[in-house]
């Protein structure tokens, strides 16, 4: 091998490495764009669902409290009972669903992190 062939080989290697680096940068920009779009879409639908559920939940809660108030002949007592029930439900959700939510987050984030 003479010096000219070595120079040509080194030049081609440098060009190939640059092309690989540019391709990787483009790939990761595209991956980041896809990730951000999916994240924003999920946030949008989550917020939309949460707001809709919240309004429905408020109307159902007020209706239930009014029904209890009529049944017990005491408006404060009806609303107090509904409030206590909600506190108990939130506590049960926190205690029972905590480990499942943590597993779900870990699984989803692991898929994103270890995705090729």
PDB file of N, CA and C in Angstrom:
ATOM      1  N   UNK A   1       0.839  -1.177   0.000  1.00  0.00           N
ATOM      2  CA  UNK A   1       0.000   0.000   0.000  1.00  0.00           C
ATOM      3  C   UNK A   1       0.886   1.243   0.000  1.00  0.00           C
ATOM      4  N   UNK A   2       0.555   2.148  -0.842  1.00  0.00           N
ATOM      5  CA  UNK A   2       1.349   3.371  -0.838  1.00  0.00           C
ATOM      6  C   UNK A   2       0.623   4.447  -0.044  1.00  0.00           C
ATOM      7  N   UNK A   3       1.261   5.567   0.139  1.00  0.00           N
ATOM      8  CA  UNK A   3       0.750   6.656   0.972  1.00  0.00           C
ATOM      9  C   UNK A   3      -0.532   7.265   0.390  1.00  0.00           C
ATOM     10  N   UNK A   4      -0.686   7.309  -0.894  1.00  0.00           N
ATOM     11  CA  UNK A   4      -1.880   7.863  -1.544  1.00  0.00           C
ATOM     12  C   UNK A   4      -3.125   7.051  -1.227  1.00  0.00           C
ATOM     13  N   UNK A   5      -2.970   5.722  -1.236  1.00  0.00           N
ATOM     14  CA  UNK A   5      -4.124   4.873  -0.923  1.00  0.00           C
ATOM     15  C   UNK A   5      -4.532   5.027   0.538  1.00  0.00           C
ATOM     16  N   UNK A   6      -3.540   5.181   1.414  1.00  0.00           N
ATOM     17  CA  UNK A   6      -3.848   5.363   2.842  1.00  0.00           C
ATOM     18  C   UNK A   6      -4.587   6.681   3.043  1.00  0.00           C
ATOM     19  N   UNK A   7      -4.126   7.753   2.349  1.00  0.00           N
ATOM     20  CA  UNK A   7      -4.797   9.053   2.454  1.00  0.00           C
ATOM     21  C   UNK A   7      -6.236   8.960   1.947  1.00  0.00           C
ATOM     22  N   UNK A   8      -6.436   8.276   0.820  1.00  0.00           N
ATOM     23  CA  UNK A   8      -7.779   8.122   0.268  1.00  0.00           C
ATOM     24  C   UNK A   8      -8.681   7.347   1.224  1.00  0.00           C
ATOM     25  N   UNK A   9      -8.122   6.293   1.824  1.00  0.00           N
ATOM     26  CA  UNK A   9      -8.891   5.491   2.781  1.00  0.00           C
ATOM     27  C   UNK A   9      -9.254   6.298   4.017  1.00  0.00           C
ATOM     28  N   UNK A  10      -8.308   7.115   4.504  1.00  0.00           N
ATOM     29  CA  UNK A  10      -8.571   7.948   5.684  1.00  0.00           C
ATOM     30  C   UNK A  10      -9.607   9.015   5.350  1.00  0.00           C
ATOM     31  N   UNK A  11      -9.523   9.581   4.151  1.00  0.00           N
ATOM     32  CA  UNK A  11     -10.515  10.589   3.745  1.00  0.00           C
ATOM     33  C   UNK A  11     -11.903   9.995   3.633  1.00  0.00           C
ATOM     34  N   UNK A  12     -12.005   8.798   3.076  1.00  0.00           N
ATOM     35  CA  UNK A  12     -13.305   8.124   2.948  1.00  0.00           C
ATOM     36  C   UNK A  12     -13.860   7.764   4.324  1.00  0.00           C
ATOM     37  N   UNK A  13     -12.964   7.344   5.230  1.00  0.00           N
ATOM     38  CA  UNK A  13     -13.389   7.008   6.592  1.00  0.00           C
ATOM     39  C   UNK A  13     -13.928   8.243   7.295  1.00  0.00           C
ATOM     40  N   UNK A  14     -13.235   9.368   7.137  1.00  0.00           N
ATOM     41  CA  UNK A  14     -13.686  10.609   7.756  1.00  0.00           C
ATOM     42  C   UNK A  14     -15.055  11.009   7.204  1.00  0.00           C
ATOM     43  N   UNK A  15     -15.221  10.893   5.899  1.00  0.00           N
ATOM     44  CA  UNK A  15     -16.498  11.236   5.267  1.00  0.00           C
ATOM     45  C   UNK A  15     -17.619  10.319   5.774  1.00  0.00           C
ATOM     46  N   UNK A  16     -17.335   9.027   5.895  1.00  0.00           N
ATOM     47  CA  UNK A  16     -18.335   8.073   6.401  1.00  0.00           C
ATOM     48  C   UNK A  16     -18.714   8.383   7.845  1.00  0.00           C
ATOM     49  N   UNK A  17     -17.735   8.723   8.656  1.00  0.00           N
ATOM     50  CA  UNK A  17     -18.007   9.048  10.067  1.00  0.00           C
ATOM     51  C   UNK A  17     -18.869  10.308  10.157  1.00  0.00           C
ATOM     52  N   UNK A  18     -18.569  11.298   9.341  1.00  0.00           N
ATOM     53  CA  UNK A  18     -19.381  12.523   9.339  1.00  0.00           C
ATOM     54  C   UNK A  18     -20.814  12.225   8.913  1.00  0.00           C
ATOM     55  N   UNK A  19     -20.986  11.388   7.896  1.00  0.00           N
ATOM     56  CA  UNK A  19     -22.333  11.030   7.441  1.00  0.00           C
ATOM     57  C   UNK A  19     -23.098  10.279   8.530  1.00  0.00           C
ATOM     58  N   UNK A  20     -22.415   9.400   9.235  1.00  0.00           N
ATOM     59  CA  UNK A  20     -23.050   8.655  10.327  1.00  0.00           C
ATOM     60  C   UNK A  20     -23.465   9.611  11.435  1.00  0.00           C
ATOM     61  N   UNK A  21     -22.592  10.557  11.780  1.00  0.00           N
ATOM     62  CA  UNK A  21     -22.917  11.517  12.838  1.00  0.00           C
ATOM     63  C   UNK A  21     -24.117  12.370  12.439  1.00  0.00           C
ATOM     64  N   UNK A  22     -24.155  12.840  11.204  1.00  0.00           N
ATOM     65  CA  UNK A  22     -25.283  13.659  10.741  1.00  0.00           C
ATOM     66  C   UNK A  22     -26.572  12.827  10.754  1.00  0.00           C
ATOM     67  N   UNK A  23     -26.488  11.593  10.322  1.00  0.00           N
ATOM     68  CA  UNK A  23     -27.657  10.715  10.312  1.00  0.00           C
ATOM     69  C   UNK A  23     -28.174  10.477  11.733  1.00  0.00           C
ATOM     70  N   UNK A  24     -27.267  10.264  12.678  1.00  0.00           N
ATOM     71  CA  UNK A  24     -27.679  10.062  14.080  1.00  0.00           C
ATOM     72  C   UNK A  24     -28.341  11.319  14.641  1.00  0.00           C
ATOM     73  N   UNK A  25     -27.786  12.466  14.335  1.00  0.00           N
ATOM     74  CA  UNK A  25     -28.383  13.712  14.820  1.00  0.00           C
ATOM     75  C   UNK A  25     -29.791  13.870  14.252  1.00  0.00           C
ATOM     76  N   UNK A  26     -29.972  13.600  12.957  1.00  0.00           N
ATOM     77  CA  UNK A  26     -31.301  13.685  12.345  1.00  0.00           C
ATOM     78  C   UNK A  26     -32.263  12.685  12.982  1.00  0.00           C
ATOM     79  N   UNK A  27     -31.779  11.485  13.241  1.00  0.00           N
ATOM     80  CA  UNK A  27     -32.615  10.450  13.856  1.00  0.00           C
ATOM     81  C   UNK A  27     -33.085  10.893  15.236  1.00  0.00           C
ATOM     82  N   UNK A  28     -32.167  11.404  16.048  1.00  0.00           N
ATOM     83  CA  UNK A  28     -32.553  11.785  17.406  1.00  0.00           C
ATOM     84  C   UNK A  28     -33.419  13.042  17.426  1.00  0.00           C
ATOM     85  N   UNK A  29     -33.238  13.933  16.462  1.00  0.00           N
ATOM     86  CA  UNK A  29     -34.157  15.071  16.357  1.00  0.00           C
ATOM     87  C   UNK A  29     -35.556  14.589  16.019  1.00  0.00           C
ATOM     88  N   UNK A  30     -35.663  13.652  15.097  1.00  0.00           N
ATOM     89  CA  UNK A  30     -36.958  13.096  14.728  1.00  0.00           C
ATOM     90  C   UNK A  30     -37.585  12.339  15.898  1.00  0.00           C
ATOM     91  N   UNK A  31     -36.779  11.575  16.611  1.00  0.00           N
ATOM     92  CA  UNK A  31     -37.274  10.840  17.779  1.00  0.00           C
ATOM     93  C   UNK A  31     -37.776  11.812  18.847  1.00  0.00           C
ATOM     94  N   UNK A  32     -37.024  12.897  19.081  1.00  0.00           N
ATOM     95  CA  UNK A  32     -37.428  13.897  20.069  1.00  0.00           C
ATOM     96  C   UNK A  32     -38.729  14.577  19.643  1.00  0.00           C
ATOM     97  N   UNK A  33     -38.852  14.905  18.368  1.00  0.00           N
ATOM     98  CA  UNK A  33     -40.090  15.502  17.854  1.00  0.00           C
ATOM     99  C   UNK A  33     -41.263  14.559  18.079  1.00  0.00           C
ATOM    100  N   UNK A  34     -41.091  13.296  17.744  1.00  0.00           N
ATOM    101  CA  UNK A  34     -42.150  12.306  17.930  1.00  0.00           C
ATOM    102  C   UNK A  34     -42.527  12.180  19.402  1.00  0.00           C
ATOM    103  N   UNK A  35     -41.530  12.149  20.266  1.00  0.00           N
ATOM    104  CA  UNK A  35     -41.767  12.042  21.700  1.00  0.00           C
ATOM    105  C   UNK A  35     -42.544  13.253  22.217  1.00  0.00           C
ATOM    106  N   UNK A  36     -42.158  14.446  21.807  1.00  0.00           N
ATOM    107  CA  UNK A  36     -42.831  15.662  22.269  1.00  0.00           C
ATOM    108  C   UNK A  36     -44.268  15.705  21.762  1.00  0.00           C
ATOM    109  N   UNK A  37     -44.482  15.328  20.511  1.00  0.00           N
ATOM    110  CA  UNK A  37     -45.849  15.327  19.968  1.00  0.00           C
ATOM    111  C   UNK A  37     -46.721  14.327  20.723  1.00  0.00           C
ATOM    112  N   UNK A  38     -46.201  13.148  20.971  1.00  0.00           N
ATOM    113  CA  UNK A  38     -46.978  12.149  21.725  1.00  0.00           C
ATOM    114  C   UNK A  38     -47.270  12.646  23.134  1.00  0.00           C
ATOM    115  N   UNK A  39     -46.276  13.257  23.771  1.00  0.00           N
ATOM    116  CA  UNK A  39     -46.444  13.767  25.125  1.00  0.00           C
ATOM    117  C   UNK A  39     -47.515  14.856  25.166  1.00  0.00           C
ATOM    118  N   UNK A  40     -47.429  15.810  24.262  1.00  0.00           N
ATOM    119  CA  UNK A  40     -48.408  16.896  24.239  1.00  0.00           C
ATOM    120  C   UNK A  40     -49.806  16.386  23.899  1.00  0.00           C
ATOM    121  N   UNK A  41     -49.897  15.418  23.001  1.00  0.00           N
ATOM    122  CA  UNK A  41     -51.198  14.835  22.676  1.00  0.00           C
ATOM    123  C   UNK A  41     -51.790  14.128  23.884  1.00  0.00           C
ATOM    124  N   UNK A  42     -50.980  13.367  24.579  1.00  0.00           N
ATOM    125  CA  UNK A  42     -51.472  12.672  25.778  1.00  0.00           C
ATOM    126  C   UNK A  42     -51.868  13.658  26.865  1.00  0.00           C
ATOM    127  N   UNK A  43     -51.105  14.718  27.032  1.00  0.00           N
ATOM    128  CA  UNK A  43     -51.455  15.733  28.028  1.00  0.00           C
ATOM    129  C   UNK A  43     -52.781  16.395  27.651  1.00  0.00           C
ATOM    130  N   UNK A  44     -52.942  16.741  26.376  1.00  0.00           N
ATOM    131  CA  UNK A  44     -54.183  17.372  25.918  1.00  0.00           C
ATOM    132  C   UNK A  44     -55.386  16.484  26.208  1.00  0.00           C
ATOM    133  N   UNK A  45     -55.314  15.221  25.798  1.00  0.00           N
ATOM    134  CA  UNK A  45     -56.454  14.326  26.008  1.00  0.00           C
ATOM    135  C   UNK A  45     -56.673  14.055  27.490  1.00  0.00           C
ATOM    136  N   UNK A  46     -55.602  13.966  28.258  1.00  0.00           N
ATOM    137  CA  UNK A  46     -55.739  13.766  29.700  1.00  0.00           C
ATOM    138  C   UNK A  46     -56.433  14.940  30.376  1.00  0.00           C
ATOM    139  N   UNK A  47     -56.040  16.157  30.000  1.00  0.00           N
ATOM    140  CA  UNK A  47     -56.669  17.345  30.577  1.00  0.00           C
ATOM    141  C   UNK A  47     -58.129  17.436  30.143  1.00  0.00           C
ATOM    142  N   UNK A  48     -58.391  17.181  28.874  1.00  0.00           N
ATOM    143  CA  UNK A  48     -59.774  17.214  28.379  1.00  0.00           C
ATOM    144  C   UNK A  48     -60.643  16.204  29.122  1.00  0.00           C
ATOM    145  N   UNK A  49     -60.136  14.993  29.296  1.00  0.00           N
ATOM    146  CA  UNK A  49     -60.876  13.968  30.025  1.00  0.00           C
ATOM    147  C   UNK A  49     -61.059  14.369  31.485  1.00  0.00           C
ATOM    148  N   UNK A  50     -60.006  14.885  32.118  1.00  0.00           N
ATOM    149  CA  UNK A  50     -60.082  15.256  33.532  1.00  0.00           C
ATOM    150  C   UNK A  50     -61.096  16.379  33.756  1.00  0.00           C
ATOM    151  N   UNK A  51     -61.103  17.380  32.889  1.00  0.00           N
ATOM    152  CA  UNK A  51     -62.054  18.481  33.041  1.00  0.00           C
ATOM    153  C   UNK A  51     -63.484  17.976  32.849  1.00  0.00           C
ATOM    154  N   UNK A  52     -63.703  17.168  31.840  1.00  0.00           N
ATOM    155  CA  UNK A  52     -65.047  16.619  31.596  1.00  0.00           C
ATOM    156  C   UNK A  52     -65.506  15.763  32.775  1.00  0.00           C
ATOM    157  N   UNK A  53     -64.614  14.908  33.247  1.00  0.00           N
ATOM    158  CA  UNK A  53     -64.946  14.053  34.380  1.00  0.00           C
ATOM    159  C   UNK A  53     -65.208  14.892  35.627  1.00  0.00           C
ATOM    160  N   UNK A  54     -64.423  15.942  35.826  1.00  0.00           N
ATOM    161  CA  UNK A  54     -64.593  16.798  36.999  1.00  0.00           C
ATOM    162  C   UNK A  54     -65.979  17.435  37.015  1.00  0.00           C
ATOM    163  N   UNK A  55     -66.396  18.006  35.884  1.00  0.00           N
ATOM    164  CA  UNK A  55     -67.720  18.633  35.843  1.00  0.00           C
ATOM    165  C   UNK A  55     -68.829  17.621  36.071  1.00  0.00           C
ATOM    166  N   UNK A  56     -68.737  16.470  35.468  1.00  0.00           N
ATOM    167  CA  UNK A  56     -69.745  15.430  35.682  1.00  0.00           C
ATOM    168  C   UNK A  56     -69.757  15.003  37.150  1.00  0.00           C
ATOM    169  N   UNK A  57     -68.587  14.863  37.718  1.00  0.00           N
ATOM    170  CA  UNK A  57     -68.460  14.442  39.108  1.00  0.00           C
ATOM    171  C   UNK A  57     -69.060  15.486  40.058  1.00  0.00           C
ATOM    172  N   UNK A  58     -68.823  16.753  39.779  1.00  0.00           N
ATOM    173  CA  UNK A  58     -69.375  17.818  40.629  1.00  0.00           C
ATOM    174  C   UNK A  58     -70.899  17.795  40.591  1.00  0.00           C
ATOM    175  N   UNK A  59     -71.480  17.672  39.398  1.00  0.00           N
ATOM    176  CA  UNK A  59     -72.945  17.640  39.301  1.00  0.00           C
ATOM    177  C   UNK A  59     -73.521  16.415  40.010  1.00  0.00           C
ATOM    178  N   UNK A  60     -72.883  15.281  39.858  1.00  0.00           N
ATOM    179  CA  UNK A  60     -73.367  14.073  40.531  1.00  0.00           C
ATOM    180  C   UNK A  60     -73.238  14.218  42.046  1.00  0.00           C
ATOM    181  N   UNK A  61     -72.142  14.814  42.499  1.00  0.00           N
ATOM    182  CA  UNK A  61     -71.933  14.996  43.940  1.00  0.00           C
ATOM    183  C   UNK A  61     -72.975  15.938  44.529  1.00  0.00           C
ATOM    184  N   UNK A  62     -73.231  17.029  43.853  1.00  0.00           N
ATOM    185  CA  UNK A  62     -74.239  17.981  44.356  1.00  0.00           C
ATOM    186  C   UNK A  62     -75.619  17.335  44.350  1.00  0.00           C
ATOM    187  N   UNK A  63     -75.930  16.614  43.298  1.00  0.00           N
ATOM    188  CA  UNK A  63     -77.232  15.936  43.247  1.00  0.00           C
ATOM    189  C   UNK A  63     -77.358  14.920  44.378  1.00  0.00           C
ATOM    190  N   UNK A  64     -76.305  14.155  44.608  1.00  0.00           N
ATOM    191  CA  UNK A  64     -76.342  13.180  45.700  1.00  0.00           C
ATOM    192  C   UNK A  64     -76.481  13.853  47.057  1.00  0.00           C
ATOM    193  N   UNK A  65     -75.777  14.942  47.249  1.00  0.00           N
ATOM    194  CA  UNK A  65     -75.877  15.666  48.523  1.00  0.00           C
ATOM    195  C   UNK A  65     -77.272  16.240  48.719  1.00  0.00           C
ATOM    196  N   UNK A  66     -77.880  16.739  47.657  1.00  0.00           N
ATOM    197  CA  UNK A  66     -79.244  17.272  47.781  1.00  0.00           C
ATOM    198  C   UNK A  66     -80.255  16.170  48.087  1.00  0.00           C
ATOM    199  N   UNK A  67     -80.067  15.009  47.464  1.00  0.00           N
ATOM    200  CA  UNK A  67     -80.964  13.882  47.749  1.00  0.00           C
ATOM    201  C   UNK A  67     -80.815  13.454  49.201  1.00  0.00           C
ATOM    202  N   UNK A  68     -79.565  13.349  49.666  1.00  0.00           N
ATOM    203  CA  UNK A  68     -79.351  13.000  51.081  1.00  0.00           C
ATOM    204  C   UNK A  68     -79.923  14.068  52.006  1.00  0.00           C
ATOM    205  N   UNK A  69     -79.787  15.329  51.628  1.00  0.00           N
ATOM    206  CA  UNK A  69     -80.330  16.423  52.445  1.00  0.00           C
ATOM    207  C   UNK A  69     -81.834  16.318  52.580  1.00  0.00           C
ATOM    208  N   UNK A  70     -82.515  16.004  51.484  1.00  0.00           N
ATOM    209  CA  UNK A  70     -83.964  15.829  51.553  1.00  0.00           C
ATOM    210  C   UNK A  70     -84.337  14.624  52.414  1.00  0.00           C
ATOM    211  N   UNK A  71     -83.580  13.557  52.273  1.00  0.00           N
ATOM    212  CA  UNK A  71     -83.873  12.334  53.024  1.00  0.00           C
ATOM    213  C   UNK A  71     -83.644  12.539  54.522  1.00  0.00           C
ATOM    214  N   UNK A  72     -82.562  13.262  54.886  1.00  0.00           N
ATOM    215  CA  UNK A  72     -82.219  13.472  56.292  1.00  0.00           C
ATOM    216  C   UNK A  72     -82.825  14.749  56.867  1.00  0.00           C
ATOM    217  N   UNK A  73     -83.487  15.537  56.056  1.00  0.00           N
ATOM    218  CA  UNK A  73     -84.054  16.834  56.460  1.00  0.00           C
ATOM    219  C   UNK A  73     -82.996  17.774  57.042  1.00  0.00           C
ATOM    220  N   UNK A  74     -81.768  17.675  56.534  1.00  0.00           N
ATOM    221  CA  UNK A  74     -80.695  18.560  56.978  1.00  0.00           C
ATOM    222  C   UNK A  74     -79.692  18.720  55.838  1.00  0.00           C
ATOM    223  N   UNK A  75     -79.663  19.910  55.266  1.00  0.00           N
ATOM    224  CA  UNK A  75     -78.766  20.142  54.138  1.00  0.00           C
ATOM    225  C   UNK A  75     -77.287  20.008  54.542  1.00  0.00           C
ATOM    226  N   UNK A  76     -76.855  20.598  55.661  1.00  0.00           N
ATOM    227  CA  UNK A  76     -75.434  20.449  56.031  1.00  0.00           C
ATOM    228  C   UNK A  76     -75.034  18.994  56.262  1.00  0.00           C
ATOM    229  N   UNK A  77     -75.915  18.216  56.833  1.00  0.00           N
ATOM    230  CA  UNK A  77     -75.610  16.814  57.088  1.00  0.00           C
ATOM    231  C   UNK A  77     -75.480  16.026  55.785  1.00  0.00           C
ATOM    232  N   UNK A  78     -76.313  16.311  54.802  1.00  0.00           N
ATOM    233  CA  UNK A  78     -76.218  15.638  53.501  1.00  0.00           C
ATOM    234  C   UNK A  78     -74.901  15.946  52.806  1.00  0.00           C
ATOM    235  N   UNK A  79     -74.502  17.215  52.807  1.00  0.00           N
ATOM    236  CA  UNK A  79     -73.241  17.591  52.182  1.00  0.00           C
ATOM    237  C   UNK A  79     -72.051  17.060  52.973  1.00  0.00           C
ATOM    238  N   UNK A  80     -72.166  17.004  54.292  1.00  0.00           N
ATOM    239  CA  UNK A  80     -71.089  16.453  55.130  1.00  0.00           C
ATOM    240  C   UNK A  80     -70.879  14.973  54.839  1.00  0.00           C
ATOM    241  N   UNK A  81     -71.948  14.227  54.710  1.00  0.00           N
ATOM    242  CA  UNK A  81     -71.835  12.796  54.419  1.00  0.00           C
ATOM    243  C   UNK A  81     -71.186  12.572  53.054  1.00  0.00           C
ATOM    244  N   UNK A  82     -71.600  13.339  52.050  1.00  0.00           N
ATOM    245  CA  UNK A  82     -70.991  13.210  50.717  1.00  0.00           C
ATOM    246  C   UNK A  82     -69.511  13.563  50.782  1.00  0.00           C
ATOM    247  N   UNK A  83     -69.151  14.607  51.510  1.00  0.00           N
ATOM    248  CA  UNK A  83     -67.738  14.980  51.657  1.00  0.00           C
ATOM    249  C   UNK A  83     -66.921  13.891  52.328  1.00  0.00           C
ATOM    250  N   UNK A  84     -67.469  13.274  53.373  1.00  0.00           N
ATOM    251  CA  UNK A  84     -66.768  12.192  54.071  1.00  0.00           C
ATOM    252  C   UNK A  84     -66.587  10.992  53.145  1.00  0.00           C
ATOM    253  N   UNK A  85     -67.610  10.674  52.385  1.00  0.00           N
ATOM    254  CA  UNK A  85     -67.508   9.560  51.428  1.00  0.00           C
ATOM    255  C   UNK A  85     -66.394   9.837  50.417  1.00  0.00           C
ATOM    256  N   UNK A  86     -66.312  11.073  49.917  1.00  0.00           N
ATOM    257  CA  UNK A  86     -65.261  11.416  48.962  1.00  0.00           C
ATOM    258  C   UNK A  86     -63.873  11.307  49.584  1.00  0.00           C
ATOM    259  N   UNK A  87     -63.737  11.737  50.809  1.00  0.00           N
ATOM    260  CA  UNK A  87     -62.442  11.629  51.497  1.00  0.00           C
ATOM    261  C   UNK A  87     -62.052  10.164  51.650  1.00  0.00           C
ATOM    262  N   UNK A  88     -62.994   9.314  52.013  1.00  0.00           N
ATOM    263  CA  UNK A  88     -62.710   7.880  52.138  1.00  0.00           C
ATOM    264  C   UNK A  88     -62.326   7.259  50.794  1.00  0.00           C
ATOM    265  N   UNK A  89     -63.033   7.651  49.735  1.00  0.00           N
ATOM    266  CA  UNK A  89     -62.719   7.123  48.404  1.00  0.00           C
ATOM    267  C   UNK A  89     -61.327   7.550  47.968  1.00  0.00           C
ATOM    268  N   UNK A  90     -60.983   8.805  48.191  1.00  0.00           N
ATOM    269  CA  UNK A  90     -59.644   9.287  47.828  1.00  0.00           C
ATOM    270  C   UNK A  90     -58.574   8.545  48.630  1.00  0.00           C
ATOM    271  N   UNK A  91     -58.819   8.317  49.900  1.00  0.00           N
ATOM    272  CA  UNK A  91     -57.853   7.588  50.725  1.00  0.00           C
ATOM    273  C   UNK A  91     -57.682   6.152  50.223  1.00  0.00           C
ATOM    274  N   UNK A  92     -58.783   5.491  49.902  1.00  0.00           N
ATOM    275  CA  UNK A  92     -58.697   4.128  49.379  1.00  0.00           C
ATOM    276  C   UNK A  92     -57.964   4.075  48.037  1.00  0.00           C
ATOM    277  N   UNK A  93     -58.248   5.036  47.190  1.00  0.00           N
ATOM    278  CA  UNK A  93     -57.544   5.081  45.906  1.00  0.00           C
ATOM    279  C   UNK A  93     -56.051   5.277  46.135  1.00  0.00           C
ATOM    280  N   UNK A  94     -55.694   6.167  47.038  1.00  0.00           N
ATOM    281  CA  UNK A  94     -54.285   6.422  47.326  1.00  0.00           C
ATOM    282  C   UNK A  94     -53.592   5.170  47.851  1.00  0.00           C
ATOM    283  N   UNK A  95     -54.233   4.485  48.772  1.00  0.00           N
ATOM    284  CA  UNK A  95     -53.613   3.310  49.393  1.00  0.00           C
ATOM    285  C   UNK A  95     -53.554   2.125  48.435  1.00  0.00           C
ATOM    286  N   UNK A  96     -54.646   1.853  47.729  1.00  0.00           N
ATOM    287  CA  UNK A  96     -54.727   0.652  46.907  1.00  0.00           C
ATOM    288  C   UNK A  96     -54.119   0.808  45.517  1.00  0.00           C
ATOM    289  N   UNK A  97     -54.256   1.975  44.909  1.00  0.00           N
ATOM    290  CA  UNK A  97     -53.819   2.143  43.524  1.00  0.00           C
ATOM    291  C   UNK A  97     -52.398   2.684  43.396  1.00  0.00           C
ATOM    292  N   UNK A  98     -51.785   3.048  44.479  1.00  0.00           N
ATOM    293  CA  UNK A  98     -50.459   3.674  44.436  1.00  0.00           C
ATOM    294  C   UNK A  98     -49.422   2.783  43.763  1.00  0.00           C
ATOM    295  N   UNK A  99     -49.355   1.523  44.159  1.00  0.00           N
ATOM    296  CA  UNK A  99     -48.340   0.648  43.588  1.00  0.00           C
ATOM    297  C   UNK A  99     -48.616   0.350  42.113  1.00  0.00           C
ATOM    298  N   UNK A 100     -49.899   0.289  41.723  1.00  0.00           N
ATOM    299  CA  UNK A 100     -50.229   0.032  40.327  1.00  0.00           C
ATOM    300  C   UNK A 100     -49.866   1.220  39.439  1.00  0.00           C
ATOM    301  N   UNK A 101     -50.096   2.417  39.939  1.00  0.00           N
ATOM    302  CA  UNK A 101     -49.746   3.619  39.175  1.00  0.00           C
ATOM    303  C   UNK A 101     -48.231   3.718  39.030  1.00  0.00           C
ATOM    304  N   UNK A 102     -47.505   3.416  40.097  1.00  0.00           N
ATOM    305  CA  UNK A 102     -46.040   3.452  40.019  1.00  0.00           C
ATOM    306  C   UNK A 102     -45.523   2.433  39.001  1.00  0.00           C
ATOM    307  N   UNK A 103     -46.110   1.257  38.994  1.00  0.00           N
ATOM    308  CA  UNK A 103     -45.706   0.242  38.010  1.00  0.00           C
ATOM    309  C   UNK A 103     -46.000   0.700  36.596  1.00  0.00           C
ATOM    310  N   UNK A 104     -47.163   1.308  36.398  1.00  0.00           N
ATOM    311  CA  UNK A 104     -47.537   1.796  35.071  1.00  0.00           C
ATOM    312  C   UNK A 104     -46.556   2.868  34.589  1.00  0.00           C
ATOM    313  N   UNK A 105     -46.241   3.834  35.438  1.00  0.00           N
ATOM    314  CA  UNK A 105     -45.278   4.876  35.070  1.00  0.00           C
ATOM    315  C   UNK A 105     -43.923   4.269  34.754  1.00  0.00           C
ATOM    316  N   UNK A 106     -43.473   3.349  35.591  1.00  0.00           N
ATOM    317  CA  UNK A 106     -42.170   2.729  35.366  1.00  0.00           C
ATOM    318  C   UNK A 106     -42.147   1.973  34.050  1.00  0.00           C
ATOM    319  N   UNK A 107     -43.199   1.245  33.742  1.00  0.00           N
ATOM    320  CA  UNK A 107     -43.266   0.485  32.494  1.00  0.00           C
ATOM    321  C   UNK A 107     -43.260   1.421  31.279  1.00  0.00           C
ATOM    322  N   UNK A 108     -44.087   2.459  31.317  1.00  0.00           N
ATOM    323  CA  UNK A 108     -44.171   3.381  30.181  1.00  0.00           C
ATOM    324  C   UNK A 108     -42.863   4.131  29.973  1.00  0.00           C
ATOM    325  N   UNK A 109     -42.282   4.634  31.049  1.00  0.00           N
ATOM    326  CA  UNK A 109     -41.034   5.382  30.910  1.00  0.00           C
ATOM    327  C   UNK A 109     -39.880   4.470  30.508  1.00  0.00           C
ATOM    328  N   UNK A 110     -39.903   3.222  30.932  1.00  0.00           N
ATOM    329  CA  UNK A 110     -38.866   2.267  30.511  1.00  0.00           C
ATOM    330  C   UNK A 110     -38.972   1.991  29.023  1.00  0.00           C
ATOM    331  N   UNK A 111     -40.194   1.872  28.504  1.00  0.00           N
ATOM    332  CA  UNK A 111     -40.379   1.675  27.061  1.00  0.00           C
ATOM    333  C   UNK A 111     -39.797   2.834  26.275  1.00  0.00           C
ATOM    334  N   UNK A 112     -40.038   4.035  26.764  1.00  0.00           N
ATOM    335  CA  UNK A 112     -39.526   5.218  26.064  1.00  0.00           C
ATOM    336  C   UNK A 112     -38.009   5.270  26.158  1.00  0.00           C
ATOM    337  N   UNK A 113     -37.476   5.022  27.349  1.00  0.00           N
ATOM    338  CA  UNK A 113     -36.033   5.154  27.563  1.00  0.00           C
ATOM    339  C   UNK A 113     -35.233   4.104  26.813  1.00  0.00           C
ATOM    340  N   UNK A 114     -35.714   2.865  26.836  1.00  0.00           N
ATOM    341  CA  UNK A 114     -34.949   1.781  26.231  1.00  0.00           C
ATOM    342  C   UNK A 114     -35.335   1.513  24.780  1.00  0.00           C
ATOM    343  N   UNK A 115     -36.172   2.380  24.206  1.00  0.00           N
ATOM    344  CA  UNK A 115     -36.585   2.216  22.817  1.00  0.00           C
ATOM    345  C   UNK A 115     -35.393   2.503  21.903  1.00  0.00           C
ATOM    346  N   UNK A 116     -35.249   1.709  20.867  1.00  0.00           N
ATOM    347  CA  UNK A 116     -34.136   1.897  19.928  1.00  0.00           C
ATOM    348  C   UNK A 116     -34.577   2.703  18.737  1.00  0.00           C
TER     349      UNK A 116
END
